Amino acid sequence: MDLVQVGHWTDPAARTGCTAIVLGRSCQASVHVAGGAPGSQETDLLDPSCIAPGVDAIVLAGGSAFGLEAASGARKYLEEKGRGFRASGARVPIVPAAVIFDLATGDGSVRPGTKEGYTACVASEHPDRREGLVGAGAGATVGKYMGLDNCSAGGLASRCVLADNEISIGALLVANCYGSVIDPQTATTVAGPAGAENSHGYLASKTTPPSFGATAVGVVVTDARLSKSDAKRVAIMAHDGLARAVSPAHTPYDGDMIFVVSTGDKQMEIARLGAWAAYMVERTIIAAVTKSA
């Protein structure tokens, strides 16, 4: 995974931030959106029917729709590096972005923008393995179904595994969910609202549909070779990890979105790769909330 660098910009007082996943070259990618309230930019280009040659970076940010401006900073950074596809003598970096709603958590007047997205890219030049309330996860919360006053801290985490034939599969997730985070291996609630003590807490509780948003967003990266159609299928399967670890997931209030990026030429059967991706999403979303505790 030498082609992947991660950098953050965080405002801990305002409880918001952004995270840049910068790729060493243009890489094939796709995305799947399963939540009912997504906030995104340039995701249509990742549909297999579109001709975008690849992505140069992916930006995850707080600030709701305002935070999409952080992708402009990433494009500026990449343009300075000579990155992007050639178009009429110019270089145009492709930087898809996804945002979470954190305006109700901290100072909603502070939002990631162009400067902050650029700063996150510069920070990616040095290894940054911080987790928890950092970058796009700085203002994340989970278990909102009993109201914001009862929710728990969310956060950001990343994990990587060597799967079959030494193929790397990594995931970076931001947990900002309407539902609770459940560990399916133990059937216990890892993070959720006060008063929800088991995996069936949502169904047994008086729920409060939010007037604010929620979301789990993330990126799965592998050095297996994927076409755009392959990456789309893996992204769809990766959402199984959210469905196992978040209860409920993919609600009308969540903008659940997972990108899949291929950085290499190794061979792996797509169904198996998708199953591994789902497993990594499951374990990483759990790590995102435990690192924030």
Protein backbone atom coordinates (compact mmCIF):
# COMPACT_ATOMS: atom_id res chain seq x y z
CA MET A 1 0.00 0.00 0.00
CA ASP A 2 2.94 2.36 -0.65
CA LEU A 3 0.77 4.18 -3.18
CA VAL A 4 -1.59 5.37 -0.44
CA GLN A 5 -0.91 8.26 1.94
CA VAL A 6 -3.35 9.64 4.51
CA GLY A 7 -3.35 13.12 6.02
CA HIS A 8 -5.73 14.98 8.32
CA TRP A 9 -6.73 18.50 9.21
CA THR A 10 -8.49 18.71 12.57
CA ASP A 11 -10.03 21.51 14.60
CA PRO A 12 -10.54 19.81 17.99
CA ALA A 13 -12.27 22.84 19.52
CA ALA A 14 -14.81 23.14 16.71
CA ARG A 15 -15.11 19.31 16.48
CA THR A 16 -14.68 19.07 12.72
CA GLY A 17 -12.00 18.16 10.19
CA CYS A 18 -11.13 16.50 6.90
CA THR A 19 -9.06 13.55 5.74
CA ALA A 20 -7.22 13.21 2.42
CA ILE A 21 -6.42 9.80 0.98
CA VAL A 22 -3.76 10.71 -1.61
CA LEU A 23 -2.78 8.14 -4.22
CA GLY A 24 0.68 7.95 -5.78
CA ARG A 25 -0.83 7.70 -9.26
CA SER A 26 -4.24 7.65 -10.89
CA CYS A 27 -6.04 4.47 -9.76
CA GLN A 28 -9.18 2.70 -10.87
CA ALA A 29 -12.05 3.22 -8.42
CA SER A 30 -15.78 3.04 -7.92
CA VAL A 31 -18.28 3.75 -5.16
CA HIS A 32 -21.60 2.52 -3.80
CA VAL A 33 -24.09 4.68 -1.91
CA ALA A 34 -26.54 2.80 0.34
CA GLY A 35 -27.75 5.54 2.69
CA GLY A 36 -30.66 7.87 2.03
CA ALA A 37 -28.90 11.17 2.77
CA PRO A 38 -25.52 11.23 1.00
CA GLY A 39 -23.29 14.27 0.57
CA SER A 40 -20.79 13.78 -2.22
CA GLN A 41 -18.89 15.17 -5.19
CA GLU A 42 -17.65 13.55 -8.43
CA THR A 43 -19.11 10.16 -7.52
CA ASP A 44 -20.99 9.90 -10.83
CA LEU A 45 -17.61 9.69 -12.58
CA LEU A 46 -16.97 6.41 -10.76
CA ASP A 47 -19.95 4.66 -12.32
CA PRO A 48 -18.80 1.94 -14.76
CA SER A 49 -20.76 3.71 -17.54
CA CYS A 50 -18.57 6.83 -17.25
CA ILE A 51 -15.15 7.36 -18.80
CA ALA A 52 -13.14 8.85 -15.92
CA PRO A 53 -9.69 7.25 -16.21
CA GLY A 54 -9.10 6.96 -12.45
CA VAL A 55 -8.90 8.93 -9.22
CA ASP A 56 -5.94 10.84 -7.79
CA ALA A 57 -7.24 11.26 -4.24
CA ILE A 58 -10.38 10.88 -2.15
CA VAL A 59 -11.44 13.43 0.48
CA LEU A 60 -13.66 12.70 3.48
CA ALA A 61 -14.80 15.72 5.48
CA GLY A 62 -17.05 17.07 8.16
CA GLY A 63 -19.11 20.21 7.67
CA SER A 64 -21.96 18.60 5.75
CA ALA A 65 -22.28 19.99 2.19
CA PHE A 66 -20.01 22.91 3.12
CA GLY A 67 -17.18 20.43 3.68
CA LEU A 68 -17.19 19.38 0.03
CA GLU A 69 -15.10 22.50 -0.58
CA ALA A 70 -12.14 20.63 0.98
CA ALA A 71 -11.85 18.67 -2.28
CA SER A 72 -10.92 21.94 -4.04
CA GLY A 73 -7.86 22.15 -1.79
CA ALA A 74 -6.89 18.60 -2.73
CA ARG A 75 -7.23 19.44 -6.42
CA LYS A 76 -5.03 22.51 -5.94
CA TYR A 77 -2.38 20.40 -4.19
CA LEU A 78 -2.43 17.73 -6.90
CA GLU A 79 -2.33 20.28 -9.72
CA GLU A 80 0.83 21.73 -8.19
CA LYS A 81 2.28 18.21 -8.28
CA GLY A 82 1.46 17.85 -11.99
CA ARG A 83 -1.24 15.28 -11.31
CA GLY A 84 -4.49 14.70 -13.19
CA PHE A 85 -5.59 13.78 -16.70
CA ARG A 86 -4.63 15.96 -19.64
CA ALA A 87 -7.40 18.17 -21.02
CA SER A 88 -6.61 20.94 -23.56
CA GLY A 89 -3.12 21.41 -22.16
CA ALA A 90 -4.23 21.44 -18.52
CA ARG A 91 -4.06 18.82 -15.80
CA VAL A 92 -7.35 18.00 -14.08
CA PRO A 93 -7.07 15.91 -10.89
CA ILE A 94 -10.04 13.66 -10.11
CA VAL A 95 -10.92 13.94 -6.41
CA PRO A 96 -14.21 12.38 -5.32
CA ALA A 97 -15.40 13.49 -1.89
CA ALA A 98 -17.92 12.48 0.76
CA VAL A 99 -19.02 14.37 3.85
CA ILE A 100 -20.59 13.68 7.23
CA PHE A 101 -22.96 15.93 9.15
CA ASP A 102 -21.20 17.21 12.28
CA LEU A 103 -22.65 20.74 12.45
CA ALA A 104 -24.62 19.93 15.60
CA THR A 105 -21.64 18.47 17.44
CA GLY A 106 -19.28 21.44 17.73
CA ASP A 107 -19.02 24.98 16.40
CA GLY A 108 -21.04 24.72 13.21
CA SER A 109 -19.55 27.97 11.88
CA VAL A 110 -16.17 26.24 11.33
CA ARG A 111 -16.12 23.98 8.28
CA PRO A 112 -13.39 22.34 6.25
CA GLY A 113 -12.67 24.32 3.10
CA THR A 114 -10.06 24.73 0.37
CA LYS A 115 -7.23 25.65 2.75
CA GLU A 116 -8.04 22.79 5.09
CA GLY A 117 -8.22 20.22 2.26
CA TYR A 118 -4.85 21.43 0.99
CA THR A 119 -3.40 21.17 4.50
CA ALA A 120 -4.63 17.59 4.84
CA CYS A 121 -2.87 16.69 1.58
CA VAL A 122 0.38 18.27 2.77
CA ALA A 123 0.04 16.31 6.02
CA SER A 124 -0.25 13.10 3.98
CA GLU A 125 3.42 13.50 3.00
CA HIS A 126 4.27 12.28 6.50
CA PRO A 127 2.79 9.06 7.96
CA ASP A 128 -0.22 9.85 10.13
CA ARG A 129 -1.77 6.90 11.92
CA ARG A 130 -3.91 8.83 14.40
CA GLU A 131 -7.37 7.43 15.00
CA GLY A 132 -10.52 8.38 16.87
CA LEU A 133 -11.70 12.00 16.89
CA VAL A 134 -9.36 13.16 14.13
CA GLY A 135 -9.76 14.44 10.59
CA ALA A 136 -13.18 13.69 9.13
CA GLY A 137 -14.04 11.83 12.33
CA ALA A 138 -13.40 14.77 14.68
CA GLY A 139 -17.09 15.54 15.19
CA ALA A 140 -18.53 12.10 14.54
CA THR A 141 -21.16 10.59 16.81
CA VAL A 142 -23.12 7.32 16.76
CA GLY A 143 -26.38 6.02 18.19
CA LYS A 144 -28.45 9.09 17.33
CA TYR A 145 -31.77 7.23 17.30
CA MET A 146 -32.57 8.33 20.85
CA GLY A 147 -31.60 11.94 20.27
CA LEU A 148 -28.32 13.80 20.09
CA ASP A 149 -28.16 14.20 23.87
CA ASN A 150 -27.90 10.42 24.28
CA CYS A 151 -25.45 9.54 21.52
CA SER A 152 -21.81 8.39 21.85
CA ALA A 153 -18.59 9.51 20.23
CA GLY A 154 -17.90 8.17 16.77
CA GLY A 155 -14.55 8.56 15.06
CA LEU A 156 -12.14 7.42 12.36
CA ALA A 157 -9.96 4.33 12.07
CA SER A 158 -8.04 2.35 9.47
CA ARG A 159 -7.07 -1.30 9.28
CA CYS A 160 -5.20 -3.46 6.76
CA VAL A 161 -4.86 -7.22 6.24
CA LEU A 162 -2.86 -9.51 3.98
CA ALA A 163 -5.46 -11.86 2.52
CA ASP A 164 -5.13 -14.70 0.01
CA ASN A 165 -1.87 -14.74 -1.98
CA GLU A 166 -0.50 -11.79 0.03
CA ILE A 167 -3.09 -9.40 -1.38
CA SER A 168 -3.48 -6.27 0.73
CA ILE A 169 -6.94 -5.05 1.63
CA GLY A 170 -7.18 -1.90 3.73
CA ALA A 171 -10.12 0.13 4.98
CA LEU A 172 -10.49 3.62 6.41
CA LEU A 173 -13.91 4.38 7.91
CA VAL A 174 -15.62 7.31 9.61
CA ALA A 175 -18.39 6.28 12.01
CA ASN A 176 -21.10 8.93 12.30
CA CYS A 177 -24.13 6.67 12.37
CA TYR A 178 -27.80 7.00 13.26
CA GLY A 179 -27.60 3.45 14.61
CA SER A 180 -25.49 1.78 17.28
CA VAL A 181 -22.22 0.03 16.50
CA ILE A 182 -22.42 -3.70 17.26
CA ASP A 183 -19.64 -6.27 17.33
CA PRO A 184 -21.24 -9.23 15.50
CA GLN A 185 -18.60 -11.59 16.87
CA THR A 186 -19.83 -11.03 20.43
CA ALA A 187 -23.34 -9.60 19.77
CA THR A 188 -22.57 -6.71 22.10
CA THR A 189 -23.16 -2.99 21.65
CA VAL A 190 -19.80 -1.25 21.32
CA ALA A 191 -21.19 2.30 21.09
CA GLY A 192 -24.72 3.58 21.07
CA PRO A 193 -27.23 5.73 22.92
CA ALA A 194 -27.66 5.61 26.66
CA GLY A 195 -30.22 2.97 27.55
CA ALA A 196 -29.57 0.68 24.57
CA GLU A 197 -27.72 -2.22 26.13
CA ASN A 198 -27.95 -4.93 23.47
CA SER A 199 -27.95 -5.46 19.73
CA HIS A 200 -31.74 -5.09 19.61
CA GLY A 201 -31.70 -1.70 21.32
CA TYR A 202 -33.11 0.15 18.32
CA LEU A 203 -36.19 -2.05 17.96
CA ALA A 204 -36.83 -1.95 21.72
CA SER A 205 -36.42 1.83 22.06
CA LYS A 206 -38.54 4.89 21.52
CA THR A 207 -36.67 6.33 18.57
CA THR A 208 -36.26 9.97 17.61
CA PRO A 209 -35.91 10.59 13.87
CA PRO A 210 -33.21 13.27 13.70
CA SER A 211 -33.48 16.79 12.38
CA PHE A 212 -29.77 16.44 11.57
CA GLY A 213 -27.81 13.98 9.46
CA ALA A 214 -25.77 10.88 10.08
CA THR A 215 -23.44 8.77 7.97
CA ALA A 216 -20.71 6.19 7.69
CA VAL A 217 -18.25 6.94 4.91
CA GLY A 218 -15.04 5.18 3.99
CA VAL A 219 -12.53 3.86 1.51
CA VAL A 220 -11.41 0.30 0.81
CA VAL A 221 -8.06 0.00 -0.98
CA THR A 222 -6.57 -3.17 -2.44
CA ASP A 223 -3.57 -4.04 -4.58
CA ALA A 224 -5.71 -6.56 -6.47
CA ARG A 225 -6.44 -5.58 -10.05
CA LEU A 226 -10.01 -4.33 -10.52
CA SER A 227 -11.94 -2.93 -13.44
CA LYS A 228 -14.38 -0.16 -12.60
CA SER A 229 -17.20 -2.72 -12.72
CA ASP A 230 -15.26 -5.01 -10.37
CA ALA A 231 -14.66 -2.12 -7.97
CA LYS A 232 -18.37 -1.30 -8.03
CA ARG A 233 -19.29 -4.87 -7.09
CA VAL A 234 -16.72 -4.93 -4.28
CA ALA A 235 -18.10 -1.62 -2.99
CA ILE A 236 -21.62 -3.07 -2.94
CA MET A 237 -20.40 -6.13 -1.02
CA ALA A 238 -18.35 -3.96 1.36
CA HIS A 239 -21.59 -2.46 2.67
CA ASP A 240 -22.38 -5.87 4.16
CA GLY A 241 -19.79 -4.99 6.79
CA LEU A 242 -21.78 -1.90 7.74
CA ALA A 243 -25.00 -3.91 7.85
CA ARG A 244 -23.39 -6.37 10.28
CA ALA A 245 -21.79 -3.74 12.53
CA VAL A 246 -24.33 -0.88 12.54
CA SER A 247 -27.91 -1.28 13.74
CA PRO A 248 -29.80 0.06 11.89
CA ALA A 249 -27.67 0.84 8.83
CA HIS A 250 -28.49 2.46 5.49
CA THR A 251 -31.40 4.45 6.94
CA PRO A 252 -33.04 7.50 5.33
CA TYR A 253 -30.93 9.65 7.69
CA ASP A 254 -27.54 8.10 6.83
CA GLY A 255 -25.34 8.98 3.85
CA ASP A 256 -23.57 5.61 3.94
CA MET A 257 -21.00 5.52 1.15
CA ILE A 258 -17.96 3.31 0.48
CA PHE A 259 -15.30 3.90 -2.19
CA VAL A 260 -13.15 1.05 -3.52
CA VAL A 261 -9.73 1.76 -5.05
CA SER A 262 -7.42 -0.63 -6.91
CA THR A 263 -3.70 0.15 -6.73
CA GLY A 264 -2.11 -3.01 -8.17
CA ASP A 265 -2.20 -5.92 -10.57
CA LYS A 266 -2.57 -8.95 -8.30
CA GLN A 267 -5.32 -11.45 -9.02
CA MET A 268 -8.16 -12.36 -6.67
CA GLU A 269 -11.63 -13.75 -7.32
CA ILE A 270 -14.11 -10.89 -6.96
CA ALA A 271 -16.60 -12.60 -4.64
CA ARG A 272 -13.83 -13.46 -2.22
CA LEU A 273 -12.36 -9.97 -2.42
CA GLY A 274 -15.80 -8.50 -1.72
CA ALA A 275 -16.21 -10.74 1.31
CA TRP A 276 -12.82 -9.63 2.64
CA ALA A 277 -13.77 -5.99 2.02
CA ALA A 278 -16.98 -6.43 4.03
CA TYR A 279 -15.01 -8.00 6.87
CA MET A 280 -12.52 -5.13 6.90
CA VAL A 281 -15.32 -2.54 6.92
CA GLU A 282 -16.97 -4.36 9.83
CA ARG A 283 -13.81 -4.46 11.94
CA THR A 284 -12.75 -0.91 11.04
CA ILE A 285 -16.08 0.71 11.91
CA ILE A 286 -15.86 -0.97 15.33
CA ALA A 287 -12.28 0.30 15.76
CA ALA A 288 -13.43 3.84 14.88
CA VAL A 289 -15.67 4.04 17.93
CA THR A 290 -13.43 2.13 20.35
CA LYS A 291 -10.50 4.46 19.55
CA SER A 292 -12.74 7.40 20.47
CA ALA A 293 -13.78 5.99 23.84
